[in-house]
Structures are given as C-alpha cells and as structure tokens.
Amino acid sequence: MEMKVQIPFQQLLTAVKALTPSQKTRLRQELIEEKAGKDDKAAYIEMLLNGPVFADKEIKTIEENRKSIAKWRTKN
C-alpha cells in the first residue's frame, strides 16, 4: 500500500534535523539506494534505445536463412 503526504519543505527539514544520528544514516542510505535504482533503470533504457540494431541487409540475410532452414526441415 502506498500513501502520499504533502509536507511543506520546511517541516520536512525540521523533522529530518530532529532525527537521531543513526536514523539520519539510515535515511541517507535509503536515499542513495533509491537513486542507484533509478540510475540503473535509466542506464538500461538508454542502452536499449542506443544499442546496436540490424541493418536491412542483415535482416534480409536472416530471413533467407530462416526460409532455407524451414525448407531443409520439411525435406528431412
């Protein structure tokens, strides 16, 4: 279950300042982990969008090979 709460920044800052040192460390780690997860997803999307693609000639060769294999399989 997800719950969203609108808290003015100043109140949030006051609440964070009131945390104990161990709670601040835990909060910092949570924020770092969340950011790392988003960076991984963004990098993955970028890799997919900018990755190598087949040229039309390569696609034609693959189609011809598939047809040849299909013909060979029906003969045997």
C-alpha atoms as a PDB file:
ATOM      1  CA  MET A   1       0.000   0.000   0.000  1.00  0.00           C
ATOM      2  CA  GLU A   2       1.339   3.399  -0.944  1.00  0.00           C
ATOM      3  CA  MET A   3       0.456   6.624   0.789  1.00  0.00           C
ATOM      4  CA  LYS A   4       1.415  10.095  -0.311  1.00  0.00           C
ATOM      5  CA  VAL A   5       1.540  13.005   2.094  1.00  0.00           C
ATOM      6  CA  GLN A   6       2.088  16.655   1.235  1.00  0.00           C
ATOM      7  CA  ILE A   7       4.514  18.132   3.762  1.00  0.00           C
ATOM      8  CA  PRO A   8       5.932  21.616   3.339  1.00  0.00           C
ATOM      9  CA  PHE A   9       9.695  21.503   2.809  1.00  0.00           C
ATOM     10  CA  GLN A  10      10.467  23.451   5.972  1.00  0.00           C
ATOM     11  CA  GLN A  11       8.510  20.982   8.118  1.00  0.00           C
ATOM     12  CA  LEU A  12      10.271  18.098   6.428  1.00  0.00           C
ATOM     13  CA  LEU A  13      13.649  19.717   7.047  1.00  0.00           C
ATOM     14  CA  THR A  14      12.783  20.245  10.717  1.00  0.00           C
ATOM     15  CA  ALA A  15      11.728  16.597  11.040  1.00  0.00           C
ATOM     16  CA  VAL A  16      14.960  15.378   9.418  1.00  0.00           C
ATOM     17  CA  LYS A  17      17.053  17.566  11.699  1.00  0.00           C
ATOM     18  CA  ALA A  18      15.271  16.036  14.710  1.00  0.00           C
ATOM     19  CA  LEU A  19      16.341  12.501  13.733  1.00  0.00           C
ATOM     20  CA  THR A  20      18.977  10.696  15.718  1.00  0.00           C
ATOM     21  CA  PRO A  21      22.362  10.206  14.042  1.00  0.00           C
ATOM     22  CA  SER A  22      21.594   6.536  13.344  1.00  0.00           C
ATOM     23  CA  GLN A  23      18.225   7.453  11.813  1.00  0.00           C
ATOM     24  CA  LYS A  24      19.915  10.074   9.627  1.00  0.00           C
ATOM     25  CA  THR A  25      22.419   7.461   8.462  1.00  0.00           C
ATOM     26  CA  ARG A  26      19.593   5.068   7.640  1.00  0.00           C
ATOM     27  CA  LEU A  27      17.703   7.800   5.762  1.00  0.00           C
ATOM     28  CA  ARG A  28      20.847   8.683   3.804  1.00  0.00           C
ATOM     29  CA  GLN A  29      21.344   5.015   2.819  1.00  0.00           C
ATOM     30  CA  GLU A  30      17.717   4.700   1.716  1.00  0.00           C
ATOM     31  CA  LEU A  31      18.039   7.773  -0.486  1.00  0.00           C
ATOM     32  CA  ILE A  32      21.302   6.525  -2.010  1.00  0.00           C
ATOM     33  CA  GLU A  33      19.778   3.099  -2.764  1.00  0.00           C
ATOM     34  CA  GLU A  34      16.694   4.706  -4.320  1.00  0.00           C
ATOM     35  CA  LYS A  35      18.844   6.904  -6.550  1.00  0.00           C
ATOM     36  CA  ALA A  36      21.017   3.955  -7.602  1.00  0.00           C
ATOM     37  CA  GLY A  37      17.924   2.002  -8.616  1.00  0.00           C
ATOM     38  CA  LYS A  38      16.709   4.856 -10.790  1.00  0.00           C
ATOM     39  CA  ASP A  39      20.149   5.267 -12.369  1.00  0.00           C
ATOM     40  CA  ASP A  40      20.241   1.568 -13.246  1.00  0.00           C
ATOM     41  CA  LYS A  41      16.842   1.760 -14.905  1.00  0.00           C
ATOM     42  CA  ALA A  42      17.782   4.906 -16.834  1.00  0.00           C
ATOM     43  CA  ALA A  43      21.051   3.313 -17.985  1.00  0.00           C
ATOM     44  CA  TYR A  44      19.188   0.185 -19.110  1.00  0.00           C
ATOM     45  CA  ILE A  45      16.665   2.224 -21.085  1.00  0.00           C
ATOM     46  CA  GLU A  46      19.445   4.272 -22.662  1.00  0.00           C
ATOM     47  CA  MET A  47      21.302   1.107 -23.636  1.00  0.00           C
ATOM     48  CA  LEU A  48      18.183  -0.314 -25.275  1.00  0.00           C
ATOM     49  CA  LEU A  49      17.476   2.865 -27.184  1.00  0.00           C
ATOM     50  CA  ASN A  50      21.077   3.400 -28.315  1.00  0.00           C
ATOM     51  CA  GLY A  51      22.116  -0.210 -28.712  1.00  0.00           C
ATOM     52  CA  PRO A  52      23.073  -1.950 -31.925  1.00  0.00           C
ATOM     53  CA  VAL A  53      20.399  -2.708 -34.489  1.00  0.00           C
ATOM     54  CA  PHE A  54      20.313  -4.887 -37.581  1.00  0.00           C
ATOM     55  CA  ALA A  55      20.779  -3.256 -40.957  1.00  0.00           C
ATOM     56  CA  ASP A  56      18.232  -4.036 -43.689  1.00  0.00           C
ATOM     57  CA  LYS A  57      20.796  -6.250 -45.437  1.00  0.00           C
ATOM     58  CA  GLU A  58      21.311  -8.282 -42.242  1.00  0.00           C
ATOM     59  CA  ILE A  59      17.573  -8.690 -41.749  1.00  0.00           C
ATOM     60  CA  LYS A  60      17.227  -9.921 -45.333  1.00  0.00           C
ATOM     61  CA  THR A  61      20.031 -12.452 -44.756  1.00  0.00           C
ATOM     62  CA  ILE A  62      18.343 -13.706 -41.579  1.00  0.00           C
ATOM     63  CA  GLU A  63      15.012 -14.098 -43.396  1.00  0.00           C
ATOM     64  CA  GLU A  64      16.689 -16.037 -46.205  1.00  0.00           C
ATOM     65  CA  ASN A  65      18.439 -18.298 -43.702  1.00  0.00           C
ATOM     66  CA  ARG A  66      15.175 -18.982 -41.889  1.00  0.00           C
ATOM     67  CA  LYS A  67      13.489 -19.907 -45.161  1.00  0.00           C
ATOM     68  CA  SER A  68      16.374 -22.219 -46.071  1.00  0.00           C
ATOM     69  CA  ILE A  69      16.221 -23.912 -42.684  1.00  0.00           C
ATOM     70  CA  ALA A  70      12.445 -24.326 -42.947  1.00  0.00           C
ATOM     71  CA  LYS A  71      12.798 -25.937 -46.385  1.00  0.00           C
ATOM     72  CA  TRP A  72      15.547 -28.252 -45.129  1.00  0.00           C
ATOM     73  CA  ARG A  73      13.427 -29.305 -42.136  1.00  0.00           C
ATOM     74  CA  THR A  74      10.423 -30.175 -44.302  1.00  0.00           C
ATOM     75  CA  LYS A  75      12.637 -32.372 -46.522  1.00  0.00           C
ATOM     76  CA  ASN A  76      14.018 -34.343 -43.557  1.00  0.00           C
END
